[in-house]
């Protein structure tokens, strides 16, 4: 999306990696909503209201409970603004990371969720949404406008070896891959 007539540029993916050891997946779903309109929090909450069963909980990170977009609802907990380590610890506990962005500039939170073993439930969105093709390849049932149905598919009938397959698809997003891509691009741009 860079304008024409710019100087040579090297674009490499933001590196992602698991943030720690996997533990108990005791949170049904997690979303990040620091920008609730852009991240489609209203759509996530509506889908969760229709899809939630029993004691399942959706944790909303990046938004305080007193924010105007933080609609109180059964099975929804607002975790507020978190330090990075605390947020990633929540991601490692989530079975599903759900988002309904109206535009996605990259999708680092989604890539990190995949790296930490969560299944990604998402709508398609304009922008260079790097996690979208990965999500479609992992389980196309979890990508689309029917967030409620996608949530139920992820929670009730998870695709086999989802996290292991995600790790393979995330290999181009490792730090090693980013360094190699940067070195190769710079070798093409700089004279020897």
C-alpha atoms as a PDB file:
ATOM      1  CA  UNK A   1       0.000   0.000   0.000  1.00  0.00           C
ATOM      2  CA  UNK A   2       2.970   2.336  -0.385  1.00  0.00           C
ATOM      3  CA  UNK A   3       2.521   5.139  -2.875  1.00  0.00           C
ATOM      4  CA  UNK A   4       4.260   5.015  -6.227  1.00  0.00           C
ATOM      5  CA  UNK A   5       7.458   6.955  -6.667  1.00  0.00           C
ATOM      6  CA  UNK A   6       8.931   6.074  -3.293  1.00  0.00           C
ATOM      7  CA  UNK A   7      12.509   5.165  -2.478  1.00  0.00           C
ATOM      8  CA  UNK A   8      13.377   1.452  -2.413  1.00  0.00           C
ATOM      9  CA  UNK A   9      11.762  -0.216   0.562  1.00  0.00           C
ATOM     10  CA  UNK A  10      12.260  -3.496   2.334  1.00  0.00           C
ATOM     11  CA  UNK A  11       9.092  -4.930   3.805  1.00  0.00           C
ATOM     12  CA  UNK A  12       9.454  -7.922   6.078  1.00  0.00           C
ATOM     13  CA  UNK A  13       6.908  -9.530   8.348  1.00  0.00           C
ATOM     14  CA  UNK A  14       6.825  -8.624  12.022  1.00  0.00           C
ATOM     15  CA  UNK A  15       8.378 -11.628  13.770  1.00  0.00           C
ATOM     16  CA  UNK A  16       6.109 -13.667  16.016  1.00  0.00           C
ATOM     17  CA  UNK A  17       6.902 -16.518  18.356  1.00  0.00           C
ATOM     18  CA  UNK A  18       5.207 -18.437  21.127  1.00  0.00           C
ATOM     19  CA  UNK A  19       5.318 -16.382  24.312  1.00  0.00           C
ATOM     20  CA  UNK A  20       5.766 -19.260  26.719  1.00  0.00           C
ATOM     21  CA  UNK A  21       4.749 -22.800  27.455  1.00  0.00           C
ATOM     22  CA  UNK A  22       1.194 -23.824  26.647  1.00  0.00           C
ATOM     23  CA  UNK A  23      -0.990 -24.410  29.652  1.00  0.00           C
ATOM     24  CA  UNK A  24      -4.605 -25.139  30.409  1.00  0.00           C
ATOM     25  CA  UNK A  25      -6.987 -23.674  27.831  1.00  0.00           C
ATOM     26  CA  UNK A  26      -9.516 -22.501  30.432  1.00  0.00           C
ATOM     27  CA  UNK A  27     -10.746 -19.414  28.550  1.00  0.00           C
ATOM     28  CA  UNK A  28     -13.193 -20.197  25.757  1.00  0.00           C
ATOM     29  CA  UNK A  29     -12.532 -17.067  23.713  1.00  0.00           C
ATOM     30  CA  UNK A  30     -10.395 -13.945  23.791  1.00  0.00           C
ATOM     31  CA  UNK A  31     -10.474 -10.736  21.797  1.00  0.00           C
ATOM     32  CA  UNK A  32      -8.357  -7.588  21.778  1.00  0.00           C
ATOM     33  CA  UNK A  33     -10.284  -4.333  21.539  1.00  0.00           C
ATOM     34  CA  UNK A  34      -8.013  -1.353  22.219  1.00  0.00           C
ATOM     35  CA  UNK A  35      -9.739   0.264  19.221  1.00  0.00           C
ATOM     36  CA  UNK A  36     -13.237  -1.208  19.574  1.00  0.00           C
ATOM     37  CA  UNK A  37     -14.666   0.226  16.331  1.00  0.00           C
ATOM     38  CA  UNK A  38     -11.736  -0.903  14.170  1.00  0.00           C
ATOM     39  CA  UNK A  39     -11.579  -4.328  15.821  1.00  0.00           C
ATOM     40  CA  UNK A  40     -15.338  -4.864  15.451  1.00  0.00           C
ATOM     41  CA  UNK A  41     -16.002  -5.392  19.145  1.00  0.00           C
ATOM     42  CA  UNK A  42     -19.725  -4.817  18.635  1.00  0.00           C
ATOM     43  CA  UNK A  43     -19.812  -7.681  16.119  1.00  0.00           C
ATOM     44  CA  UNK A  44     -17.777  -9.945  18.384  1.00  0.00           C
ATOM     45  CA  UNK A  45     -20.094  -9.260  21.342  1.00  0.00           C
ATOM     46  CA  UNK A  46     -23.200  -9.891  19.229  1.00  0.00           C
ATOM     47  CA  UNK A  47     -21.792 -13.163  17.941  1.00  0.00           C
ATOM     48  CA  UNK A  48     -20.760 -14.236  21.431  1.00  0.00           C
ATOM     49  CA  UNK A  49     -24.227 -13.477  22.817  1.00  0.00           C
ATOM     50  CA  UNK A  50     -25.742 -15.900  20.334  1.00  0.00           C
ATOM     51  CA  UNK A  51     -23.018 -18.548  20.400  1.00  0.00           C
ATOM     52  CA  UNK A  52     -22.111 -18.787  24.091  1.00  0.00           C
ATOM     53  CA  UNK A  53     -23.095 -21.911  25.973  1.00  0.00           C
ATOM     54  CA  UNK A  54     -23.152 -22.638  29.686  1.00  0.00           C
ATOM     55  CA  UNK A  55     -20.322 -21.063  31.629  1.00  0.00           C
ATOM     56  CA  UNK A  56     -18.162 -20.188  28.607  1.00  0.00           C
ATOM     57  CA  UNK A  57     -16.410 -16.853  28.887  1.00  0.00           C
ATOM     58  CA  UNK A  58     -15.188 -14.285  26.380  1.00  0.00           C
ATOM     59  CA  UNK A  59     -12.338 -12.181  27.753  1.00  0.00           C
ATOM     60  CA  UNK A  60     -11.930  -8.732  26.197  1.00  0.00           C
ATOM     61  CA  UNK A  61      -8.396  -7.391  26.557  1.00  0.00           C
ATOM     62  CA  UNK A  62      -7.247  -3.853  25.842  1.00  0.00           C
ATOM     63  CA  UNK A  63     -10.447  -2.209  27.066  1.00  0.00           C
ATOM     64  CA  UNK A  64     -11.524  -1.194  30.550  1.00  0.00           C
ATOM     65  CA  UNK A  65     -14.995  -2.152  31.767  1.00  0.00           C
ATOM     66  CA  UNK A  66     -15.901   1.557  32.120  1.00  0.00           C
ATOM     67  CA  UNK A  67     -15.262   2.288  28.410  1.00  0.00           C
ATOM     68  CA  UNK A  68     -18.475   3.211  26.509  1.00  0.00           C
ATOM     69  CA  UNK A  69     -17.963   0.274  24.111  1.00  0.00           C
ATOM     70  CA  UNK A  70     -17.653  -2.196  27.010  1.00  0.00           C
ATOM     71  CA  UNK A  71     -21.202  -3.522  27.024  1.00  0.00           C
ATOM     72  CA  UNK A  72     -21.866  -5.636  30.126  1.00  0.00           C
ATOM     73  CA  UNK A  73     -23.093  -9.084  29.148  1.00  0.00           C
ATOM     74  CA  UNK A  74     -23.313 -12.581  30.536  1.00  0.00           C
ATOM     75  CA  UNK A  75     -20.126 -14.516  29.880  1.00  0.00           C
ATOM     76  CA  UNK A  76     -18.061 -11.420  29.016  1.00  0.00           C
ATOM     77  CA  UNK A  77     -15.190 -10.209  31.180  1.00  0.00           C
ATOM     78  CA  UNK A  78     -13.217  -7.024  30.484  1.00  0.00           C
ATOM     79  CA  UNK A  79      -9.568  -7.547  31.413  1.00  0.00           C
ATOM     80  CA  UNK A  80      -8.614  -3.916  30.862  1.00  0.00           C
ATOM     81  CA  UNK A  81      -5.266  -2.597  29.692  1.00  0.00           C
ATOM     82  CA  UNK A  82      -2.581  -5.199  30.309  1.00  0.00           C
ATOM     83  CA  UNK A  83       1.182  -5.362  30.228  1.00  0.00           C
ATOM     84  CA  UNK A  84       2.402  -7.395  27.255  1.00  0.00           C
ATOM     85  CA  UNK A  85       3.382 -10.429  29.354  1.00  0.00           C
ATOM     86  CA  UNK A  86      -0.005 -10.544  31.099  1.00  0.00           C
ATOM     87  CA  UNK A  87      -1.820 -10.245  27.775  1.00  0.00           C
ATOM     88  CA  UNK A  88       0.190 -13.048  26.177  1.00  0.00           C
ATOM     89  CA  UNK A  89      -0.445 -15.206  29.257  1.00  0.00           C
ATOM     90  CA  UNK A  90      -4.175 -14.764  28.576  1.00  0.00           C
ATOM     91  CA  UNK A  91      -3.639 -15.700  24.927  1.00  0.00           C
ATOM     92  CA  UNK A  92      -1.953 -18.947  26.004  1.00  0.00           C
ATOM     93  CA  UNK A  93      -5.058 -19.790  28.053  1.00  0.00           C
ATOM     94  CA  UNK A  94      -7.565 -19.078  25.253  1.00  0.00           C
ATOM     95  CA  UNK A  95      -8.962 -21.828  23.078  1.00  0.00           C
ATOM     96  CA  UNK A  96     -10.120 -19.273  20.478  1.00  0.00           C
ATOM     97  CA  UNK A  97      -8.976 -15.789  19.517  1.00  0.00           C
ATOM     98  CA  UNK A  98     -11.926 -14.003  17.882  1.00  0.00           C
ATOM     99  CA  UNK A  99     -11.943 -10.739  15.951  1.00  0.00           C
ATOM    100  CA  UNK A 100     -14.134  -8.967  13.416  1.00  0.00           C
ATOM    101  CA  UNK A 101     -11.941  -6.129  12.125  1.00  0.00           C
ATOM    102  CA  UNK A 102     -13.390  -3.506   9.835  1.00  0.00           C
ATOM    103  CA  UNK A 103      -9.857  -3.049   8.474  1.00  0.00           C
ATOM    104  CA  UNK A 104      -6.704  -4.910   9.397  1.00  0.00           C
ATOM    105  CA  UNK A 105      -3.356  -3.282   8.808  1.00  0.00           C
ATOM    106  CA  UNK A 106      -1.366  -6.427   9.623  1.00  0.00           C
ATOM    107  CA  UNK A 107      -2.930  -8.619  12.294  1.00  0.00           C
ATOM    108  CA  UNK A 108      -0.077  -8.989  14.766  1.00  0.00           C
ATOM    109  CA  UNK A 109      -2.463  -9.951  17.595  1.00  0.00           C
ATOM    110  CA  UNK A 110      -3.934 -12.685  15.403  1.00  0.00           C
ATOM    111  CA  UNK A 111      -0.486 -13.980  14.420  1.00  0.00           C
ATOM    112  CA  UNK A 112       0.579 -13.988  18.078  1.00  0.00           C
ATOM    113  CA  UNK A 113      -2.580 -15.877  19.025  1.00  0.00           C
ATOM    114  CA  UNK A 114      -1.805 -18.497  16.387  1.00  0.00           C
ATOM    115  CA  UNK A 115       1.789 -18.695  17.651  1.00  0.00           C
ATOM    116  CA  UNK A 116       0.476 -19.293  21.171  1.00  0.00           C
ATOM    117  CA  UNK A 117      -1.790 -22.124  19.995  1.00  0.00           C
ATOM    118  CA  UNK A 118      -5.203 -20.450  19.908  1.00  0.00           C
ATOM    119  CA  UNK A 119      -7.579 -21.053  17.011  1.00  0.00           C
ATOM    120  CA  UNK A 120      -8.375 -17.909  15.009  1.00  0.00           C
ATOM    121  CA  UNK A 121     -12.002 -17.009  14.329  1.00  0.00           C
ATOM    122  CA  UNK A 122     -12.225 -13.925  12.128  1.00  0.00           C
ATOM    123  CA  UNK A 123     -14.112 -12.068   9.478  1.00  0.00           C
ATOM    124  CA  UNK A 124     -12.376 -11.068   6.276  1.00  0.00           C
ATOM    125  CA  UNK A 125     -11.242  -7.444   6.249  1.00  0.00           C
ATOM    126  CA  UNK A 126      -9.660  -5.036   3.805  1.00  0.00           C
ATOM    127  CA  UNK A 127      -6.007  -4.225   4.283  1.00  0.00           C
ATOM    128  CA  UNK A 128      -2.853  -6.305   4.270  1.00  0.00           C
ATOM    129  CA  UNK A 129      -4.270  -8.778   6.798  1.00  0.00           C
ATOM    130  CA  UNK A 130      -1.346 -11.227   7.040  1.00  0.00           C
ATOM    131  CA  UNK A 131      -3.148 -13.703   9.315  1.00  0.00           C
ATOM    132  CA  UNK A 132      -6.200 -14.046   7.053  1.00  0.00           C
ATOM    133  CA  UNK A 133      -4.770 -16.477   4.469  1.00  0.00           C
ATOM    134  CA  UNK A 134      -3.254 -18.531   7.283  1.00  0.00           C
ATOM    135  CA  UNK A 135      -6.618 -18.714   9.057  1.00  0.00           C
ATOM    136  CA  UNK A 136      -8.330 -19.806   5.838  1.00  0.00           C
ATOM    137  CA  UNK A 137      -5.713 -22.497   5.231  1.00  0.00           C
ATOM    138  CA  UNK A 138      -6.005 -23.827   8.786  1.00  0.00           C
ATOM    139  CA  UNK A 139      -9.804 -24.079   8.890  1.00  0.00           C
ATOM    140  CA  UNK A 140     -11.998 -22.158   6.429  1.00  0.00           C
ATOM    141  CA  UNK A 141     -15.029 -22.755   8.678  1.00  0.00           C
ATOM    142  CA  UNK A 142     -13.557 -20.230  11.109  1.00  0.00           C
ATOM    143  CA  UNK A 143     -13.353 -17.359   8.606  1.00  0.00           C
ATOM    144  CA  UNK A 144     -16.438 -15.479   7.452  1.00  0.00           C
ATOM    145  CA  UNK A 145     -19.365 -13.315   8.414  1.00  0.00           C
ATOM    146  CA  UNK A 146     -21.026 -15.964  10.600  1.00  0.00           C
ATOM    147  CA  UNK A 147     -18.874 -15.393  13.676  1.00  0.00           C
ATOM    148  CA  UNK A 148     -21.295 -17.263  15.919  1.00  0.00           C
ATOM    149  CA  UNK A 149     -21.183 -20.366  13.744  1.00  0.00           C
ATOM    150  CA  UNK A 150     -17.408 -20.098  13.459  1.00  0.00           C
ATOM    151  CA  UNK A 151     -17.079 -19.817  17.237  1.00  0.00           C
ATOM    152  CA  UNK A 152     -19.194 -22.928  17.743  1.00  0.00           C
ATOM    153  CA  UNK A 153     -17.199 -24.834  15.107  1.00  0.00           C
ATOM    154  CA  UNK A 154     -13.936 -23.923  16.837  1.00  0.00           C
ATOM    155  CA  UNK A 155     -15.182 -24.720  20.330  1.00  0.00           C
ATOM    156  CA  UNK A 156     -17.210 -27.848  19.496  1.00  0.00           C
ATOM    157  CA  UNK A 157     -15.335 -29.383  16.565  1.00  0.00           C
ATOM    158  CA  UNK A 158     -11.738 -28.099  16.428  1.00  0.00           C
ATOM    159  CA  UNK A 159      -9.745 -29.093  13.369  1.00  0.00           C
ATOM    160  CA  UNK A 160      -7.138 -31.777  14.092  1.00  0.00           C
ATOM    161  CA  UNK A 161      -3.582 -30.597  14.769  1.00  0.00           C
ATOM    162  CA  UNK A 162      -4.609 -26.947  14.346  1.00  0.00           C
ATOM    163  CA  UNK A 163      -1.794 -25.535  16.523  1.00  0.00           C
ATOM    164  CA  UNK A 164       0.886 -27.751  14.946  1.00  0.00           C
ATOM    165  CA  UNK A 165      -0.221 -26.782  11.435  1.00  0.00           C
ATOM    166  CA  UNK A 166      -0.328 -23.104  12.479  1.00  0.00           C
ATOM    167  CA  UNK A 167       3.283 -23.333  13.671  1.00  0.00           C
ATOM    168  CA  UNK A 168       4.331 -24.558  10.224  1.00  0.00           C
ATOM    169  CA  UNK A 169       2.407 -21.784   8.448  1.00  0.00           C
ATOM    170  CA  UNK A 170       3.971 -19.201  10.779  1.00  0.00           C
ATOM    171  CA  UNK A 171       7.538 -20.164   9.838  1.00  0.00           C
ATOM    172  CA  UNK A 172       7.826 -17.177   7.418  1.00  0.00           C
ATOM    173  CA  UNK A 173       7.028 -14.941  10.430  1.00  0.00           C
ATOM    174  CA  UNK A 174       9.843 -16.168  12.693  1.00  0.00           C
ATOM    175  CA  UNK A 175      12.680 -13.872  13.680  1.00  0.00           C
ATOM    176  CA  UNK A 176      15.082 -16.016  11.667  1.00  0.00           C
ATOM    177  CA  UNK A 177      12.924 -15.678   8.543  1.00  0.00           C
ATOM    178  CA  UNK A 178      12.632 -11.907   9.005  1.00  0.00           C
ATOM    179  CA  UNK A 179      16.420 -11.574   9.345  1.00  0.00           C
ATOM    180  CA  UNK A 180      17.000 -13.736   6.253  1.00  0.00           C
ATOM    181  CA  UNK A 181      14.420 -11.775   4.221  1.00  0.00           C
ATOM    182  CA  UNK A 182      15.960  -8.472   5.307  1.00  0.00           C
ATOM    183  CA  UNK A 183      19.487  -9.620   4.418  1.00  0.00           C
ATOM    184  CA  UNK A 184      18.357 -10.887   1.009  1.00  0.00           C
ATOM    185  CA  UNK A 185      16.461  -7.678   0.232  1.00  0.00           C
ATOM    186  CA  UNK A 186      19.366  -5.482   1.305  1.00  0.00           C
ATOM    187  CA  UNK A 187      21.773  -7.536  -0.802  1.00  0.00           C
ATOM    188  CA  UNK A 188      19.570  -6.795  -3.838  1.00  0.00           C
ATOM    189  CA  UNK A 189      19.345  -3.066  -3.022  1.00  0.00           C
ATOM    190  CA  UNK A 190      22.936  -2.304  -2.006  1.00  0.00           C
ATOM    191  CA  UNK A 191      25.887  -2.575  -4.380  1.00  0.00           C
ATOM    192  CA  UNK A 192      28.489  -5.157  -3.445  1.00  0.00           C
END
